[in-house]
Amino acid sequence: MLVRARFIRTDIPGKGDLRLRSPLCRLGRGQDNDLCFNNDSVSSHHAEIYHLPDGTFQICDLDSTNGTWVNGRRIQSQVLNHGDVVELGEVRLHFRLEDQ
């Protein structure tokens, strides 16, 4: 299944496009994550994003120390919409669906 979504990282200039490459992507500081962030405010396994069968994307916090935030609200689990701002500690990501 082709996953057509990405994040644009905006807390550090030039870090750019981070494509979601599988139906389950783990985000965190640890090197075994799909998307790795070298930032001490990010937990080693911080959050997961699921590409659901209906085409939506859901982000779930993995009991991270600093929490997962969507549009300024701390969440445990939430469906992401095009343009949402996701924060993992100090890391800021803008969610984009590729066909929008």
N, C-alpha and C. Protein backbone atom coordinates (compact mmCIF):
# COMPACT_ATOMS: atom_id res chain seq x y z
N MET A 1 0.86 -1.19 0.00
CA MET A 1 0.00 0.00 0.00
C MET A 1 0.90 1.24 0.00
N LEU A 2 0.63 2.15 -0.90
CA LEU A 2 1.39 3.39 -0.99
C LEU A 2 0.86 4.39 0.03
N VAL A 3 1.74 4.88 0.86
CA VAL A 3 1.36 5.85 1.89
C VAL A 3 1.67 7.24 1.34
N ARG A 4 0.65 8.07 1.27
CA ARG A 4 0.80 9.37 0.64
C ARG A 4 0.66 10.50 1.66
N ALA A 5 1.58 10.51 2.60
CA ALA A 5 1.58 11.57 3.61
C ALA A 5 3.02 11.84 4.03
N ARG A 6 3.23 13.03 4.58
CA ARG A 6 4.56 13.42 5.02
C ARG A 6 4.45 14.47 6.10
N PHE A 7 5.56 14.69 6.76
CA PHE A 7 5.69 15.79 7.70
C PHE A 7 6.69 16.77 7.13
N ILE A 8 6.47 18.04 7.40
CA ILE A 8 7.47 19.07 7.14
C ILE A 8 7.94 19.54 8.51
N ARG A 9 9.23 19.36 8.78
CA ARG A 9 9.78 19.77 10.08
C ARG A 9 10.08 21.25 10.05
N THR A 10 9.55 21.99 11.02
CA THR A 10 9.69 23.44 11.01
C THR A 10 10.45 24.00 12.20
N ASP A 11 10.85 23.15 13.16
CA ASP A 11 11.59 23.69 14.31
C ASP A 11 13.07 23.88 13.99
N ILE A 12 13.59 23.19 12.96
CA ILE A 12 14.98 23.36 12.53
C ILE A 12 14.96 23.61 11.02
N PRO A 13 15.48 24.75 10.56
CA PRO A 13 15.50 25.04 9.12
C PRO A 13 16.28 23.98 8.34
N GLY A 14 15.75 23.61 7.17
CA GLY A 14 16.45 22.71 6.28
C GLY A 14 16.27 21.23 6.55
N LYS A 15 15.47 20.86 7.56
CA LYS A 15 15.26 19.43 7.85
C LYS A 15 14.15 18.85 6.98
N GLY A 16 13.27 19.73 6.49
CA GLY A 16 12.36 19.41 5.40
C GLY A 16 11.44 18.22 5.50
N ASP A 17 11.32 17.52 4.37
CA ASP A 17 10.33 16.46 4.16
C ASP A 17 10.68 15.17 4.89
N LEU A 18 9.72 14.67 5.64
CA LEU A 18 9.84 13.37 6.28
C LEU A 18 8.65 12.54 5.81
N ARG A 19 8.88 11.62 4.90
CA ARG A 19 7.79 10.83 4.33
C ARG A 19 7.43 9.64 5.21
N LEU A 20 6.13 9.39 5.31
CA LEU A 20 5.65 8.20 6.00
C LEU A 20 5.69 7.06 4.98
N ARG A 21 6.50 6.04 5.22
CA ARG A 21 6.79 5.03 4.22
C ARG A 21 6.08 3.69 4.43
N SER A 22 5.33 3.55 5.52
CA SER A 22 4.62 2.30 5.75
C SER A 22 3.34 2.58 6.54
N PRO A 23 2.42 1.61 6.60
CA PRO A 23 1.16 1.82 7.31
C PRO A 23 1.32 2.03 8.82
N LEU A 24 2.49 1.67 9.36
CA LEU A 24 2.78 1.94 10.77
C LEU A 24 4.16 2.58 10.84
N CYS A 25 4.22 3.81 11.33
CA CYS A 25 5.50 4.52 11.49
C CYS A 25 5.67 4.90 12.95
N ARG A 26 6.83 4.51 13.51
CA ARG A 26 7.13 4.89 14.88
C ARG A 26 8.06 6.10 14.86
N LEU A 27 7.80 7.07 15.74
CA LEU A 27 8.58 8.29 15.84
C LEU A 27 9.24 8.34 17.21
N GLY A 28 10.50 8.77 17.24
CA GLY A 28 11.17 8.91 18.52
C GLY A 28 12.65 9.21 18.36
N ARG A 29 13.36 9.23 19.50
CA ARG A 29 14.77 9.53 19.52
C ARG A 29 15.62 8.30 19.19
N GLY A 30 15.13 7.11 19.49
CA GLY A 30 15.88 5.88 19.26
C GLY A 30 16.12 5.60 17.79
N GLN A 31 17.28 4.98 17.50
CA GLN A 31 17.66 4.71 16.11
C GLN A 31 16.78 3.65 15.45
N ASP A 32 16.00 2.89 16.22
CA ASP A 32 15.15 1.84 15.65
C ASP A 32 13.78 2.37 15.22
N ASN A 33 13.57 3.68 15.28
CA ASN A 33 12.30 4.28 14.83
C ASN A 33 12.31 4.51 13.32
N ASP A 34 11.13 4.62 12.73
CA ASP A 34 11.02 4.95 11.31
C ASP A 34 11.45 6.39 11.06
N LEU A 35 11.05 7.30 11.95
CA LEU A 35 11.49 8.69 11.89
C LEU A 35 12.20 9.01 13.21
N CYS A 36 13.50 9.31 13.10
CA CYS A 36 14.34 9.55 14.29
C CYS A 36 14.60 11.04 14.46
N PHE A 37 14.54 11.48 15.71
CA PHE A 37 14.79 12.89 16.03
C PHE A 37 15.85 12.96 17.12
N ASN A 38 16.98 13.56 16.80
CA ASN A 38 18.08 13.69 17.74
C ASN A 38 17.83 14.92 18.62
N ASN A 39 16.91 14.76 19.56
CA ASN A 39 16.53 15.86 20.44
C ASN A 39 16.15 15.25 21.79
N ASP A 40 16.76 15.74 22.87
CA ASP A 40 16.53 15.15 24.20
C ASP A 40 15.10 15.30 24.71
N SER A 41 14.31 16.21 24.12
CA SER A 41 12.92 16.38 24.56
C SER A 41 11.99 15.33 23.97
N VAL A 42 12.51 14.52 23.04
CA VAL A 42 11.74 13.45 22.40
C VAL A 42 12.08 12.13 23.09
N SER A 43 11.05 11.37 23.46
CA SER A 43 11.28 10.07 24.09
C SER A 43 11.86 9.09 23.08
N SER A 44 12.52 8.03 23.58
CA SER A 44 13.15 7.07 22.66
C SER A 44 12.11 6.42 21.74
N HIS A 45 10.94 6.11 22.26
CA HIS A 45 9.79 5.68 21.44
C HIS A 45 8.63 6.60 21.84
N HIS A 46 8.41 7.62 21.04
CA HIS A 46 7.53 8.73 21.44
C HIS A 46 6.08 8.53 20.99
N ALA A 47 5.90 8.20 19.70
CA ALA A 47 4.54 8.10 19.15
C ALA A 47 4.54 7.16 17.95
N GLU A 48 3.35 6.71 17.58
CA GLU A 48 3.17 5.91 16.36
C GLU A 48 2.07 6.53 15.51
N ILE A 49 2.23 6.39 14.21
CA ILE A 49 1.20 6.85 13.28
C ILE A 49 0.73 5.65 12.47
N TYR A 50 -0.57 5.46 12.47
CA TYR A 50 -1.19 4.35 11.74
C TYR A 50 -1.92 4.90 10.52
N HIS A 51 -1.69 4.27 9.37
CA HIS A 51 -2.48 4.57 8.17
C HIS A 51 -3.63 3.57 8.18
N LEU A 52 -4.82 4.04 8.49
CA LEU A 52 -5.97 3.16 8.69
C LEU A 52 -6.59 2.75 7.35
N PRO A 53 -7.33 1.63 7.35
CA PRO A 53 -7.93 1.14 6.10
C PRO A 53 -8.84 2.16 5.41
N ASP A 54 -9.45 3.08 6.16
CA ASP A 54 -10.33 4.08 5.54
C ASP A 54 -9.55 5.25 4.93
N GLY A 55 -8.20 5.18 5.00
CA GLY A 55 -7.38 6.22 4.38
C GLY A 55 -6.93 7.31 5.33
N THR A 56 -7.44 7.32 6.55
CA THR A 56 -7.05 8.34 7.51
C THR A 56 -5.76 7.94 8.23
N PHE A 57 -5.15 8.90 8.90
CA PHE A 57 -3.94 8.68 9.67
C PHE A 57 -4.23 9.01 11.12
N GLN A 58 -3.83 8.12 12.02
CA GLN A 58 -4.05 8.32 13.44
C GLN A 58 -2.71 8.31 14.16
N ILE A 59 -2.49 9.31 15.02
CA ILE A 59 -1.27 9.36 15.82
C ILE A 59 -1.61 8.95 17.25
N CYS A 60 -0.73 8.14 17.85
CA CYS A 60 -0.93 7.67 19.21
C CYS A 60 0.34 7.92 20.02
N ASP A 61 0.20 8.54 21.16
CA ASP A 61 1.33 8.77 22.06
C ASP A 61 1.70 7.45 22.74
N LEU A 62 2.99 7.19 22.90
CA LEU A 62 3.47 5.96 23.53
C LEU A 62 3.95 6.24 24.96
N ASP A 63 3.09 6.91 25.75
CA ASP A 63 3.43 7.28 27.13
C ASP A 63 4.75 8.04 27.20
N SER A 64 4.92 8.98 26.27
CA SER A 64 6.14 9.78 26.21
C SER A 64 6.24 10.73 27.40
N THR A 65 7.46 11.13 27.72
CA THR A 65 7.70 12.02 28.86
C THR A 65 7.06 13.39 28.64
N ASN A 66 7.28 14.00 27.47
CA ASN A 66 6.80 15.36 27.22
C ASN A 66 5.50 15.42 26.43
N GLY A 67 4.94 14.28 26.10
CA GLY A 67 3.63 14.24 25.46
C GLY A 67 3.70 14.48 23.96
N THR A 68 2.59 14.14 23.33
CA THR A 68 2.36 14.41 21.91
C THR A 68 1.25 15.44 21.83
N TRP A 69 1.49 16.48 21.05
CA TRP A 69 0.57 17.60 20.95
C TRP A 69 0.12 17.77 19.51
N VAL A 70 -1.16 17.99 19.29
CA VAL A 70 -1.70 18.28 17.96
C VAL A 70 -2.44 19.60 18.06
N ASN A 71 -1.99 20.56 17.26
CA ASN A 71 -2.60 21.90 17.24
C ASN A 71 -2.71 22.50 18.65
N GLY A 72 -1.64 22.31 19.45
CA GLY A 72 -1.58 22.91 20.77
C GLY A 72 -2.29 22.16 21.87
N ARG A 73 -2.85 20.98 21.58
CA ARG A 73 -3.57 20.19 22.58
C ARG A 73 -2.86 18.87 22.80
N ARG A 74 -2.63 18.51 24.05
CA ARG A 74 -1.99 17.22 24.35
C ARG A 74 -2.99 16.10 24.06
N ILE A 75 -2.52 15.08 23.37
CA ILE A 75 -3.42 14.00 22.95
C ILE A 75 -2.85 12.65 23.38
N GLN A 76 -3.70 11.66 23.47
CA GLN A 76 -3.28 10.26 23.59
C GLN A 76 -3.38 9.58 22.22
N SER A 77 -4.48 9.91 21.51
CA SER A 77 -4.72 9.34 20.19
C SER A 77 -5.63 10.29 19.43
N GLN A 78 -5.29 10.55 18.17
CA GLN A 78 -6.11 11.47 17.38
C GLN A 78 -5.89 11.24 15.89
N VAL A 79 -6.96 11.40 15.12
CA VAL A 79 -6.85 11.36 13.66
C VAL A 79 -6.22 12.67 13.20
N LEU A 80 -5.24 12.57 12.28
CA LEU A 80 -4.57 13.76 11.76
C LEU A 80 -5.26 14.25 10.49
N ASN A 81 -5.35 15.55 10.38
CA ASN A 81 -5.90 16.19 9.18
C ASN A 81 -4.80 16.98 8.49
N HIS A 82 -4.95 17.17 7.18
CA HIS A 82 -3.99 17.95 6.41
C HIS A 82 -3.81 19.32 7.06
N GLY A 83 -2.54 19.68 7.33
CA GLY A 83 -2.25 20.98 7.92
C GLY A 83 -2.09 20.97 9.43
N ASP A 84 -2.40 19.85 10.09
CA ASP A 84 -2.23 19.79 11.54
C ASP A 84 -0.77 20.00 11.93
N VAL A 85 -0.56 20.63 13.08
CA VAL A 85 0.78 20.82 13.63
C VAL A 85 0.95 19.82 14.78
N VAL A 86 1.96 18.95 14.63
CA VAL A 86 2.25 17.92 15.63
C VAL A 86 3.55 18.31 16.33
N GLU A 87 3.53 18.25 17.67
CA GLU A 87 4.74 18.54 18.44
C GLU A 87 5.09 17.34 19.31
N LEU A 88 6.35 16.92 19.20
CA LEU A 88 6.92 15.88 20.05
C LEU A 88 8.04 16.56 20.83
N GLY A 89 7.75 16.94 22.06
CA GLY A 89 8.72 17.75 22.80
C GLY A 89 8.96 19.05 22.05
N GLU A 90 10.24 19.35 21.73
CA GLU A 90 10.57 20.59 21.02
C GLU A 90 10.48 20.46 19.50
N VAL A 91 10.24 19.25 19.00
CA VAL A 91 10.18 19.00 17.56
C VAL A 91 8.80 19.37 17.03
N ARG A 92 8.76 20.24 16.01
CA ARG A 92 7.49 20.67 15.43
C ARG A 92 7.39 20.17 13.99
N LEU A 93 6.26 19.51 13.70
CA LEU A 93 6.03 18.90 12.39
C LEU A 93 4.68 19.33 11.85
N HIS A 94 4.63 19.67 10.55
CA HIS A 94 3.37 19.99 9.89
C HIS A 94 2.96 18.79 9.04
N PHE A 95 1.76 18.27 9.27
CA PHE A 95 1.27 17.08 8.58
C PHE A 95 0.69 17.47 7.22
N ARG A 96 1.09 16.75 6.20
CA ARG A 96 0.60 17.02 4.83
C ARG A 96 0.16 15.74 4.16
N LEU A 97 -1.02 15.78 3.56
CA LEU A 97 -1.46 14.69 2.69
C LEU A 97 -1.01 15.06 1.28
N GLU A 98 -0.44 14.12 0.56
CA GLU A 98 0.23 14.44 -0.71
C GLU A 98 -0.72 14.88 -1.82
N ASP A 99 -1.97 14.46 -1.75
CA ASP A 99 -2.90 14.83 -2.83
C ASP A 99 -3.70 16.09 -2.49
N GLN A 100 -3.25 16.85 -1.49
CA GLN A 100 -3.95 18.10 -1.13
C GLN A 100 -3.00 19.26 -1.18
